[in-house]
Amino acid sequence: MSNILYRKRAQRVRRKLKKYNKGRFRLTVYRSSKNISAQIIDDINKKTLISSTSNKKDSKNKKKVDRSLEVAQILIKKAAEKKITKVYFDRGRYKYHGRIKSFAEALRKGGLTF
């Protein structure tokens, strides 16, 4: 039952974002209980341009917030290489709080605008 509600919430958020952000790439985030991953997606061509995850052996002993900041730094470097500066942030079913908030703020400090 709750899985259906999660999907409905994510679709509702995504629908509103796509309505107002035409011509930008979508930065979507997935958060599990231990890890976080993010992708920059081109919705027009339906391709993933950049992806990053904290599911690595060297980041197992770090705190969860530190892992999200590390993923943000990797994503900033890859976006700079591909000259991507404007995206819109798709938080999906997650509240803008905690790891998601620190992740977004790190991306803003790194130069991505959304």
N, C-alpha and C. Protein backbone atom coordinates (compact mmCIF):
# COMPACT_ATOMS: atom_id res chain seq x y z
N MET A 1 0.81 -1.20 0.00
CA MET A 1 0.00 0.00 0.00
C MET A 1 0.86 1.26 0.00
N SER A 2 1.86 1.30 0.87
CA SER A 2 2.68 2.51 0.95
C SER A 2 3.54 2.68 -0.29
N ASN A 3 3.89 1.59 -0.97
CA ASN A 3 4.68 1.68 -2.19
C ASN A 3 3.89 2.42 -3.28
N ILE A 4 2.60 2.20 -3.33
CA ILE A 4 1.75 2.90 -4.28
C ILE A 4 1.71 4.39 -3.96
N LEU A 5 1.64 4.72 -2.68
CA LEU A 5 1.62 6.12 -2.28
C LEU A 5 2.94 6.81 -2.62
N TYR A 6 4.06 6.10 -2.46
CA TYR A 6 5.35 6.67 -2.81
C TYR A 6 5.41 7.00 -4.30
N ARG A 7 4.94 6.06 -5.13
CA ARG A 7 4.95 6.28 -6.57
C ARG A 7 4.05 7.45 -6.96
N LYS A 8 2.89 7.53 -6.33
CA LYS A 8 1.97 8.61 -6.65
C LYS A 8 2.56 9.97 -6.26
N ARG A 9 3.22 10.03 -5.11
CA ARG A 9 3.83 11.28 -4.68
C ARG A 9 4.95 11.68 -5.63
N ALA A 10 5.79 10.72 -6.01
CA ALA A 10 6.90 11.01 -6.92
C ALA A 10 6.38 11.47 -8.28
N GLN A 11 5.34 10.85 -8.78
CA GLN A 11 4.77 11.24 -10.06
C GLN A 11 4.15 12.63 -9.99
N ARG A 12 3.52 12.95 -8.87
CA ARG A 12 2.92 14.27 -8.69
C ARG A 12 3.99 15.36 -8.69
N VAL A 13 5.05 15.13 -7.96
CA VAL A 13 6.16 16.09 -7.90
C VAL A 13 6.79 16.25 -9.28
N ARG A 14 7.07 15.14 -9.94
CA ARG A 14 7.73 15.15 -11.24
C ARG A 14 6.87 15.84 -12.30
N ARG A 15 5.56 15.61 -12.27
CA ARG A 15 4.65 16.22 -13.24
C ARG A 15 4.65 17.74 -13.12
N LYS A 16 4.63 18.24 -11.89
CA LYS A 16 4.65 19.68 -11.68
C LYS A 16 5.98 20.28 -12.12
N LEU A 17 7.07 19.59 -11.87
CA LEU A 17 8.38 20.09 -12.27
C LEU A 17 8.54 20.13 -13.78
N LYS A 18 8.10 19.08 -14.46
CA LYS A 18 8.24 19.01 -15.91
C LYS A 18 7.39 20.08 -16.60
N LYS A 19 6.31 20.46 -15.97
CA LYS A 19 5.40 21.45 -16.54
C LYS A 19 6.08 22.81 -16.66
N TYR A 20 6.89 23.18 -15.70
CA TYR A 20 7.48 24.52 -15.65
C TYR A 20 8.95 24.58 -16.05
N ASN A 21 9.60 23.45 -16.23
CA ASN A 21 11.04 23.43 -16.50
C ASN A 21 11.36 22.77 -17.84
N LYS A 22 10.79 23.30 -18.88
CA LYS A 22 11.08 22.75 -20.21
C LYS A 22 12.41 23.30 -20.69
N GLY A 23 13.20 22.47 -21.31
CA GLY A 23 14.49 22.90 -21.83
C GLY A 23 15.64 22.74 -20.85
N ARG A 24 15.38 22.21 -19.67
CA ARG A 24 16.45 21.95 -18.69
C ARG A 24 16.58 20.45 -18.48
N PHE A 25 17.73 20.07 -17.97
CA PHE A 25 17.94 18.67 -17.62
C PHE A 25 17.39 18.43 -16.22
N ARG A 26 17.00 17.19 -15.95
CA ARG A 26 16.44 16.82 -14.66
C ARG A 26 17.51 16.16 -13.80
N LEU A 27 17.67 16.66 -12.58
CA LEU A 27 18.58 16.06 -11.61
C LEU A 27 17.71 15.30 -10.62
N THR A 28 17.75 13.99 -10.70
CA THR A 28 16.92 13.17 -9.83
C THR A 28 17.80 12.49 -8.79
N VAL A 29 17.22 12.25 -7.63
CA VAL A 29 17.98 11.70 -6.52
C VAL A 29 17.24 10.49 -5.95
N TYR A 30 18.02 9.48 -5.55
CA TYR A 30 17.48 8.30 -4.89
C TYR A 30 18.23 8.12 -3.59
N ARG A 31 17.48 7.91 -2.52
CA ARG A 31 18.08 7.76 -1.20
C ARG A 31 17.61 6.45 -0.60
N SER A 32 18.56 5.61 -0.24
CA SER A 32 18.22 4.38 0.49
C SER A 32 18.57 4.60 1.95
N SER A 33 18.48 3.57 2.75
CA SER A 33 18.76 3.72 4.17
C SER A 33 20.24 3.99 4.45
N LYS A 34 21.14 3.56 3.54
CA LYS A 34 22.57 3.75 3.76
C LYS A 34 23.25 4.59 2.69
N ASN A 35 22.75 4.58 1.46
CA ASN A 35 23.43 5.23 0.34
C ASN A 35 22.55 6.27 -0.32
N ILE A 36 23.16 7.02 -1.22
CA ILE A 36 22.45 8.02 -2.01
C ILE A 36 23.03 7.99 -3.41
N SER A 37 22.18 8.17 -4.41
CA SER A 37 22.66 8.24 -5.78
C SER A 37 21.88 9.32 -6.51
N ALA A 38 22.50 9.88 -7.55
CA ALA A 38 21.88 10.96 -8.30
C ALA A 38 22.22 10.81 -9.77
N GLN A 39 21.32 11.34 -10.62
CA GLN A 39 21.51 11.29 -12.06
C GLN A 39 21.06 12.61 -12.66
N ILE A 40 21.71 13.01 -13.73
CA ILE A 40 21.23 14.11 -14.55
C ILE A 40 20.71 13.49 -15.83
N ILE A 41 19.43 13.72 -16.12
CA ILE A 41 18.73 13.04 -17.19
C ILE A 41 18.25 14.04 -18.23
N ASP A 42 18.41 13.69 -19.50
CA ASP A 42 17.85 14.46 -20.60
C ASP A 42 16.50 13.82 -20.94
N ASP A 43 15.40 14.49 -20.59
CA ASP A 43 14.07 13.90 -20.80
C ASP A 43 13.64 13.89 -22.26
N ILE A 44 14.17 14.80 -23.05
CA ILE A 44 13.78 14.86 -24.46
C ILE A 44 14.32 13.64 -25.20
N ASN A 45 15.59 13.33 -25.01
CA ASN A 45 16.21 12.18 -25.66
C ASN A 45 16.12 10.91 -24.83
N LYS A 46 15.63 11.03 -23.61
CA LYS A 46 15.45 9.89 -22.70
C LYS A 46 16.78 9.16 -22.45
N LYS A 47 17.80 9.95 -22.06
CA LYS A 47 19.11 9.39 -21.79
C LYS A 47 19.65 9.94 -20.48
N THR A 48 20.39 9.11 -19.77
CA THR A 48 21.09 9.55 -18.57
C THR A 48 22.44 10.11 -18.99
N LEU A 49 22.68 11.37 -18.65
CA LEU A 49 23.92 12.03 -19.03
C LEU A 49 25.03 11.78 -18.03
N ILE A 50 24.69 11.94 -16.74
CA ILE A 50 25.68 11.82 -15.67
C ILE A 50 25.04 11.06 -14.51
N SER A 51 25.82 10.22 -13.85
CA SER A 51 25.32 9.56 -12.65
C SER A 51 26.45 9.44 -11.63
N SER A 52 26.04 9.36 -10.38
CA SER A 52 27.00 9.23 -9.29
C SER A 52 26.32 8.52 -8.12
N THR A 53 27.10 7.73 -7.39
CA THR A 53 26.54 7.00 -6.26
C THR A 53 27.55 6.91 -5.12
N SER A 54 27.03 6.65 -3.93
CA SER A 54 27.89 6.50 -2.76
C SER A 54 28.12 5.04 -2.43
N ASN A 55 27.73 4.15 -3.29
CA ASN A 55 27.85 2.72 -3.04
C ASN A 55 29.23 2.23 -3.47
N LYS A 56 30.24 2.67 -2.73
CA LYS A 56 31.63 2.29 -3.00
C LYS A 56 32.26 1.77 -1.72
N LYS A 57 33.32 1.01 -1.87
CA LYS A 57 33.96 0.42 -0.69
C LYS A 57 34.65 1.45 0.18
N ASP A 58 35.20 2.51 -0.42
CA ASP A 58 35.93 3.49 0.38
C ASP A 58 35.02 4.43 1.15
N SER A 59 33.73 4.46 0.84
CA SER A 59 32.83 5.37 1.55
C SER A 59 31.95 4.65 2.58
N LYS A 60 32.28 3.43 2.91
CA LYS A 60 31.45 2.66 3.84
C LYS A 60 31.57 3.16 5.29
N ASN A 61 32.71 3.72 5.67
CA ASN A 61 32.92 4.13 7.05
C ASN A 61 32.56 5.59 7.32
N LYS A 62 31.99 6.27 6.33
CA LYS A 62 31.64 7.67 6.49
C LYS A 62 30.20 7.83 6.95
N LYS A 63 29.90 9.01 7.46
CA LYS A 63 28.52 9.30 7.85
C LYS A 63 27.68 9.49 6.59
N LYS A 64 26.37 9.37 6.76
CA LYS A 64 25.48 9.45 5.61
C LYS A 64 25.50 10.82 4.96
N VAL A 65 25.56 11.88 5.76
CA VAL A 65 25.60 13.24 5.21
C VAL A 65 26.89 13.45 4.44
N ASP A 66 28.00 12.92 4.95
CA ASP A 66 29.28 13.04 4.25
C ASP A 66 29.25 12.30 2.92
N ARG A 67 28.57 11.18 2.88
CA ARG A 67 28.43 10.44 1.63
C ARG A 67 27.66 11.26 0.60
N SER A 68 26.60 11.93 1.04
CA SER A 68 25.82 12.73 0.10
C SER A 68 26.62 13.92 -0.41
N LEU A 69 27.45 14.52 0.44
CA LEU A 69 28.31 15.62 0.00
C LEU A 69 29.36 15.13 -0.99
N GLU A 70 29.86 13.93 -0.78
CA GLU A 70 30.84 13.35 -1.69
C GLU A 70 30.22 13.09 -3.07
N VAL A 71 29.00 12.58 -3.08
CA VAL A 71 28.30 12.34 -4.34
C VAL A 71 28.04 13.67 -5.06
N ALA A 72 27.70 14.71 -4.31
CA ALA A 72 27.47 16.02 -4.90
C ALA A 72 28.74 16.56 -5.56
N GLN A 73 29.89 16.38 -4.91
CA GLN A 73 31.15 16.86 -5.48
C GLN A 73 31.49 16.12 -6.78
N ILE A 74 31.25 14.82 -6.81
CA ILE A 74 31.51 14.04 -8.01
C ILE A 74 30.60 14.50 -9.14
N LEU A 75 29.33 14.75 -8.81
CA LEU A 75 28.36 15.18 -9.80
C LEU A 75 28.71 16.57 -10.34
N ILE A 76 29.20 17.45 -9.49
CA ILE A 76 29.60 18.79 -9.92
C ILE A 76 30.76 18.71 -10.91
N LYS A 77 31.74 17.86 -10.62
CA LYS A 77 32.89 17.72 -11.51
C LYS A 77 32.47 17.18 -12.88
N LYS A 78 31.62 16.17 -12.88
CA LYS A 78 31.17 15.58 -14.15
C LYS A 78 30.31 16.56 -14.94
N ALA A 79 29.48 17.35 -14.24
CA ALA A 79 28.64 18.33 -14.92
C ALA A 79 29.48 19.45 -15.52
N ALA A 80 30.54 19.84 -14.83
CA ALA A 80 31.43 20.88 -15.35
C ALA A 80 32.15 20.40 -16.61
N GLU A 81 32.50 19.13 -16.66
CA GLU A 81 33.14 18.58 -17.85
C GLU A 81 32.21 18.61 -19.05
N LYS A 82 30.92 18.36 -18.82
CA LYS A 82 29.94 18.37 -19.91
C LYS A 82 29.27 19.73 -20.09
N LYS A 83 29.72 20.74 -19.32
CA LYS A 83 29.23 22.12 -19.41
C LYS A 83 27.74 22.23 -19.12
N ILE A 84 27.29 21.52 -18.08
CA ILE A 84 25.90 21.59 -17.63
C ILE A 84 25.86 22.49 -16.40
N THR A 85 25.06 23.56 -16.48
CA THR A 85 24.95 24.48 -15.34
C THR A 85 23.52 24.62 -14.85
N LYS A 86 22.53 24.47 -15.73
CA LYS A 86 21.14 24.66 -15.33
C LYS A 86 20.40 23.32 -15.36
N VAL A 87 19.86 22.96 -14.23
CA VAL A 87 19.07 21.74 -14.08
C VAL A 87 17.86 22.07 -13.22
N TYR A 88 16.94 21.13 -13.12
CA TYR A 88 15.90 21.25 -12.10
C TYR A 88 15.95 20.03 -11.20
N PHE A 89 15.73 20.28 -9.92
CA PHE A 89 15.94 19.28 -8.87
C PHE A 89 14.67 18.48 -8.64
N ASP A 90 14.72 17.21 -8.96
CA ASP A 90 13.60 16.29 -8.75
C ASP A 90 13.89 15.48 -7.51
N ARG A 91 13.28 15.86 -6.41
CA ARG A 91 13.52 15.17 -5.14
C ARG A 91 12.72 13.89 -5.03
N GLY A 92 11.80 13.67 -5.95
CA GLY A 92 11.00 12.44 -5.95
C GLY A 92 10.06 12.37 -4.77
N ARG A 93 10.08 11.28 -4.06
CA ARG A 93 9.17 11.08 -2.94
C ARG A 93 9.73 11.58 -1.62
N TYR A 94 10.95 12.11 -1.63
CA TYR A 94 11.63 12.48 -0.40
C TYR A 94 11.37 13.94 -0.03
N LYS A 95 11.29 14.21 1.26
CA LYS A 95 11.15 15.57 1.74
C LYS A 95 12.46 16.31 1.56
N TYR A 96 12.37 17.61 1.39
CA TYR A 96 13.57 18.44 1.28
C TYR A 96 14.09 18.67 2.69
N HIS A 97 14.81 17.67 3.19
CA HIS A 97 15.22 17.67 4.59
C HIS A 97 16.40 16.71 4.74
N GLY A 98 17.30 17.00 5.64
CA GLY A 98 18.39 16.08 5.97
C GLY A 98 19.40 15.92 4.86
N ARG A 99 19.60 14.67 4.44
CA ARG A 99 20.61 14.37 3.42
C ARG A 99 20.27 14.99 2.07
N ILE A 100 18.97 15.03 1.74
CA ILE A 100 18.55 15.61 0.48
C ILE A 100 18.84 17.11 0.46
N LYS A 101 18.57 17.77 1.57
CA LYS A 101 18.81 19.20 1.66
C LYS A 101 20.31 19.52 1.60
N SER A 102 21.12 18.78 2.33
CA SER A 102 22.57 19.02 2.30
C SER A 102 23.14 18.73 0.91
N PHE A 103 22.61 17.72 0.24
CA PHE A 103 23.02 17.38 -1.12
C PHE A 103 22.71 18.54 -2.08
N ALA A 104 21.50 19.08 -1.99
CA ALA A 104 21.10 20.18 -2.87
C ALA A 104 21.91 21.44 -2.60
N GLU A 105 22.16 21.74 -1.34
CA GLU A 105 22.93 22.93 -1.01
C GLU A 105 24.38 22.80 -1.49
N ALA A 106 24.94 21.61 -1.42
CA ALA A 106 26.31 21.39 -1.92
C ALA A 106 26.36 21.57 -3.43
N LEU A 107 25.32 21.13 -4.13
CA LEU A 107 25.28 21.32 -5.58
C LEU A 107 25.18 22.79 -5.94
N ARG A 108 24.39 23.53 -5.19
CA ARG A 108 24.27 24.98 -5.44
C ARG A 108 25.60 25.69 -5.21
N LYS A 109 26.29 25.33 -4.13
CA LYS A 109 27.60 25.94 -3.87
C LYS A 109 28.62 25.59 -4.94
N GLY A 110 28.46 24.42 -5.55
CA GLY A 110 29.38 23.97 -6.58
C GLY A 110 29.16 24.60 -7.94
N GLY A 111 28.04 25.28 -8.14
CA GLY A 111 27.84 25.97 -9.39
C GLY A 111 26.62 25.57 -10.19
N LEU A 112 25.90 24.54 -9.79
CA LEU A 112 24.68 24.20 -10.50
C LEU A 112 23.55 25.11 -10.04
N THR A 113 22.75 25.57 -10.97
CA THR A 113 21.62 26.43 -10.62
C THR A 113 20.32 25.67 -10.84
N PHE A 114 19.48 25.73 -9.82
CA PHE A 114 18.13 25.16 -9.92
C PHE A 114 17.23 25.84 -8.93
